[in-house]
Amino acid sequence: MTTKVPSDFSKMTEGEALYSLGVRATKKDGKKGLNMPIPGKPGESLFIPASDEKPDAIVASNRKQDRVQGAKKTRCHDCRCKVWISPATQEMLKRYPGTPVICIPCFVKRTEAENKQKKEAE
């Protein structure tokens, strides 16, 4: 079964938009977090652990149609493309100023590089 992805999230809340993209709350190795499908890699997903600590980076979409109600533009820390940050992300940046905001493709690149380093270290 294929789920049709909406072409514009601007009328949705953040939760509605994430759910429509297949993002789900889950647990892995006893840690709570989100399971996020990897764009362009069907059947593959990334686990993003939940934390009250300062994040290494905040992930944002570079697609205008992915913005949600109240989203604002900024730039990806890594590639400098325009990204949309949701109201929750705006609050997170107030709580943790200086945290880099990165686009989804840069997040996937960082995660793949980290996983490769972990495997090489084993």
C-alpha atoms as a PDB file:
ATOM      1  CA  MET A   1       0.000   0.000   0.000  1.00  0.00           C
ATOM      2  CA  THR A   2       1.367   3.403  -0.976  1.00  0.00           C
ATOM      3  CA  THR A   3       0.548   6.469   1.110  1.00  0.00           C
ATOM      4  CA  LYS A   4       0.055   9.665  -0.867  1.00  0.00           C
ATOM      5  CA  VAL A   5       2.258  12.423   0.569  1.00  0.00           C
ATOM      6  CA  PRO A   6       0.557  15.828   0.660  1.00  0.00           C
ATOM      7  CA  SER A   7       2.084  18.423  -1.648  1.00  0.00           C
ATOM      8  CA  ASP A   8       1.792  21.254   0.914  1.00  0.00           C
ATOM      9  CA  PHE A   9       2.019  21.030   4.702  1.00  0.00           C
ATOM     10  CA  SER A  10       1.421  24.732   5.390  1.00  0.00           C
ATOM     11  CA  LYS A  11      -2.068  24.084   6.799  1.00  0.00           C
ATOM     12  CA  MET A  12      -0.898  21.168   9.008  1.00  0.00           C
ATOM     13  CA  THR A  13       0.474  21.094  12.507  1.00  0.00           C
ATOM     14  CA  GLU A  14       3.982  19.678  12.942  1.00  0.00           C
ATOM     15  CA  GLY A  15       2.644  16.399  14.296  1.00  0.00           C
ATOM     16  CA  GLU A  16       0.257  15.937  11.375  1.00  0.00           C
ATOM     17  CA  ALA A  17       3.012  16.678   8.864  1.00  0.00           C
ATOM     18  CA  LEU A  18       5.535  14.301  10.475  1.00  0.00           C
ATOM     19  CA  TYR A  19       2.973  11.522  10.723  1.00  0.00           C
ATOM     20  CA  SER A  20       2.024  11.932   7.051  1.00  0.00           C
ATOM     21  CA  LEU A  21       5.716  11.439   6.151  1.00  0.00           C
ATOM     22  CA  GLY A  22       5.935   8.166   8.039  1.00  0.00           C
ATOM     23  CA  VAL A  23       7.775   9.489  11.110  1.00  0.00           C
ATOM     24  CA  ARG A  24       6.783   7.444  14.151  1.00  0.00           C
ATOM     25  CA  ALA A  25       7.574   7.481  17.862  1.00  0.00           C
ATOM     26  CA  THR A  26       9.478   4.331  18.815  1.00  0.00           C
ATOM     27  CA  LYS A  27      12.039   2.761  21.131  1.00  0.00           C
ATOM     28  CA  LYS A  28      15.436   1.322  20.209  1.00  0.00           C
ATOM     29  CA  ASP A  29      17.866  -0.224  22.665  1.00  0.00           C
ATOM     30  CA  GLY A  30      15.669   1.038  25.508  1.00  0.00           C
ATOM     31  CA  LYS A  31      15.796   4.665  24.292  1.00  0.00           C
ATOM     32  CA  LYS A  32      12.747   6.640  23.164  1.00  0.00           C
ATOM     33  CA  GLY A  33      12.925   8.500  19.880  1.00  0.00           C
ATOM     34  CA  LEU A  34      11.604   8.844  16.351  1.00  0.00           C
ATOM     35  CA  ASN A  35      11.915   6.517  13.400  1.00  0.00           C
ATOM     36  CA  MET A  36      12.310   8.598  10.214  1.00  0.00           C
ATOM     37  CA  PRO A  37      12.205   7.106   6.697  1.00  0.00           C
ATOM     38  CA  ILE A  38      15.277   8.038   4.617  1.00  0.00           C
ATOM     39  CA  PRO A  39      14.224  10.007   1.516  1.00  0.00           C
ATOM     40  CA  GLY A  40      15.098   8.114  -1.667  1.00  0.00           C
ATOM     41  CA  LYS A  41      15.863   4.868   0.188  1.00  0.00           C
ATOM     42  CA  PRO A  42      12.623   2.874   0.410  1.00  0.00           C
ATOM     43  CA  GLY A  43      12.445   0.588   3.424  1.00  0.00           C
ATOM     44  CA  GLU A  44      15.367   2.272   5.196  1.00  0.00           C
ATOM     45  CA  SER A  45      14.981   4.561   8.178  1.00  0.00           C
ATOM     46  CA  LEU A  46      16.998   6.446  10.777  1.00  0.00           C
ATOM     47  CA  PHE A  47      16.416   6.329  14.519  1.00  0.00           C
ATOM     48  CA  ILE A  48      16.616   9.751  16.159  1.00  0.00           C
ATOM     49  CA  PRO A  49      16.887   9.427  19.937  1.00  0.00           C
ATOM     50  CA  ALA A  50      14.859  11.797  22.116  1.00  0.00           C
ATOM     51  CA  SER A  51      16.860  13.839  24.582  1.00  0.00           C
ATOM     52  CA  ASP A  52      16.616  16.788  26.926  1.00  0.00           C
ATOM     53  CA  GLU A  53      20.280  17.572  26.240  1.00  0.00           C
ATOM     54  CA  LYS A  54      21.540  20.085  23.716  1.00  0.00           C
ATOM     55  CA  PRO A  55      21.359  18.433  20.286  1.00  0.00           C
ATOM     56  CA  ASP A  56      24.386  18.179  17.993  1.00  0.00           C
ATOM     57  CA  ALA A  57      22.215  19.605  15.205  1.00  0.00           C
ATOM     58  CA  ILE A  58      18.604  20.367  14.347  1.00  0.00           C
ATOM     59  CA  VAL A  59      17.198  18.861  11.149  1.00  0.00           C
ATOM     60  CA  ALA A  60      14.964  20.933   8.865  1.00  0.00           C
ATOM     61  CA  SER A  61      13.440  20.437   5.430  1.00  0.00           C
ATOM     62  CA  ASN A  62      14.765  22.311   2.420  1.00  0.00           C
ATOM     63  CA  ARG A  63      11.465  21.919   0.550  1.00  0.00           C
ATOM     64  CA  LYS A  64       9.053  24.863   0.726  1.00  0.00           C
ATOM     65  CA  GLN A  65       6.086  22.521   0.444  1.00  0.00           C
ATOM     66  CA  ASP A  66       7.249  20.806   3.684  1.00  0.00           C
ATOM     67  CA  ARG A  67       6.816  23.913   5.830  1.00  0.00           C
ATOM     68  CA  VAL A  68       4.168  23.815   8.547  1.00  0.00           C
ATOM     69  CA  GLN A  69       2.052  26.575  10.081  1.00  0.00           C
ATOM     70  CA  GLY A  70       4.334  29.285  11.515  1.00  0.00           C
ATOM     71  CA  ALA A  71       7.527  28.005   9.834  1.00  0.00           C
ATOM     72  CA  LYS A  72      10.363  30.450   9.080  1.00  0.00           C
ATOM     73  CA  LYS A  73      13.301  30.328   6.659  1.00  0.00           C
ATOM     74  CA  THR A  74      16.938  29.959   7.635  1.00  0.00           C
ATOM     75  CA  ARG A  75      20.029  28.363   6.035  1.00  0.00           C
ATOM     76  CA  CYS A  76      21.526  24.893   6.393  1.00  0.00           C
ATOM     77  CA  HIS A  77      24.737  25.087   8.434  1.00  0.00           C
ATOM     78  CA  ASP A  78      26.530  22.606   6.129  1.00  0.00           C
ATOM     79  CA  CYS A  79      25.447  23.380   2.550  1.00  0.00           C
ATOM     80  CA  ARG A  80      23.813  26.825   3.041  1.00  0.00           C
ATOM     81  CA  CYS A  81      20.588  25.888   1.211  1.00  0.00           C
ATOM     82  CA  LYS A  82      17.367  27.487   2.467  1.00  0.00           C
ATOM     83  CA  VAL A  83      15.476  25.409   5.032  1.00  0.00           C
ATOM     84  CA  TRP A  84      12.196  25.845   6.894  1.00  0.00           C
ATOM     85  CA  ILE A  85      12.167  25.687  10.681  1.00  0.00           C
ATOM     86  CA  SER A  86       8.949  24.876  12.478  1.00  0.00           C
ATOM     87  CA  PRO A  87       7.655  26.701  15.561  1.00  0.00           C
ATOM     88  CA  ALA A  88       9.013  23.877  17.777  1.00  0.00           C
ATOM     89  CA  THR A  89      12.428  24.215  16.139  1.00  0.00           C
ATOM     90  CA  GLN A  90      12.339  27.970  16.692  1.00  0.00           C
ATOM     91  CA  GLU A  91      11.748  27.298  20.410  1.00  0.00           C
ATOM     92  CA  MET A  92      14.570  24.747  20.442  1.00  0.00           C
ATOM     93  CA  LEU A  93      16.951  27.340  18.972  1.00  0.00           C
ATOM     94  CA  LYS A  94      15.957  29.789  21.723  1.00  0.00           C
ATOM     95  CA  ARG A  95      16.656  27.094  24.306  1.00  0.00           C
ATOM     96  CA  TYR A  96      19.951  26.036  22.692  1.00  0.00           C
ATOM     97  CA  PRO A  97      21.349  29.033  20.773  1.00  0.00           C
ATOM     98  CA  GLY A  98      24.163  28.267  18.370  1.00  0.00           C
ATOM     99  CA  THR A  99      22.919  24.769  17.546  1.00  0.00           C
ATOM    100  CA  PRO A 100      23.467  24.194  13.811  1.00  0.00           C
ATOM    101  CA  VAL A 101      20.368  23.714  11.661  1.00  0.00           C
ATOM    102  CA  ILE A 102      20.957  21.249   8.818  1.00  0.00           C
ATOM    103  CA  CYS A 103      18.854  20.053   5.897  1.00  0.00           C
ATOM    104  CA  ILE A 104      17.696  16.442   5.612  1.00  0.00           C
ATOM    105  CA  PRO A 105      20.280  15.480   2.915  1.00  0.00           C
ATOM    106  CA  CYS A 106      23.106  16.850   5.108  1.00  0.00           C
ATOM    107  CA  PHE A 107      21.672  14.981   8.131  1.00  0.00           C
ATOM    108  CA  VAL A 108      21.687  11.728   6.145  1.00  0.00           C
ATOM    109  CA  LYS A 109      25.304  12.382   5.036  1.00  0.00           C
ATOM    110  CA  ARG A 110      26.385  13.068   8.639  1.00  0.00           C
ATOM    111  CA  THR A 111      24.623   9.953   9.922  1.00  0.00           C
ATOM    112  CA  GLU A 112      26.089   7.718   7.226  1.00  0.00           C
ATOM    113  CA  ALA A 113      29.589   9.097   7.946  1.00  0.00           C
ATOM    114  CA  GLU A 114      29.128   8.487  11.698  1.00  0.00           C
ATOM    115  CA  ASN A 115      27.912   4.925  11.066  1.00  0.00           C
ATOM    116  CA  LYS A 116      30.887   4.265   8.785  1.00  0.00           C
ATOM    117  CA  GLN A 117      33.304   5.552  11.463  1.00  0.00           C
ATOM    118  CA  LYS A 118      31.662   3.323  14.097  1.00  0.00           C
ATOM    119  CA  LYS A 119      31.974   0.251  11.857  1.00  0.00           C
ATOM    120  CA  GLU A 120      35.635   1.017  11.111  1.00  0.00           C
ATOM    121  CA  ALA A 121      36.351   1.388  14.824  1.00  0.00           C
ATOM    122  CA  GLU A 122      34.930  -2.083  15.601  1.00  0.00           C
END
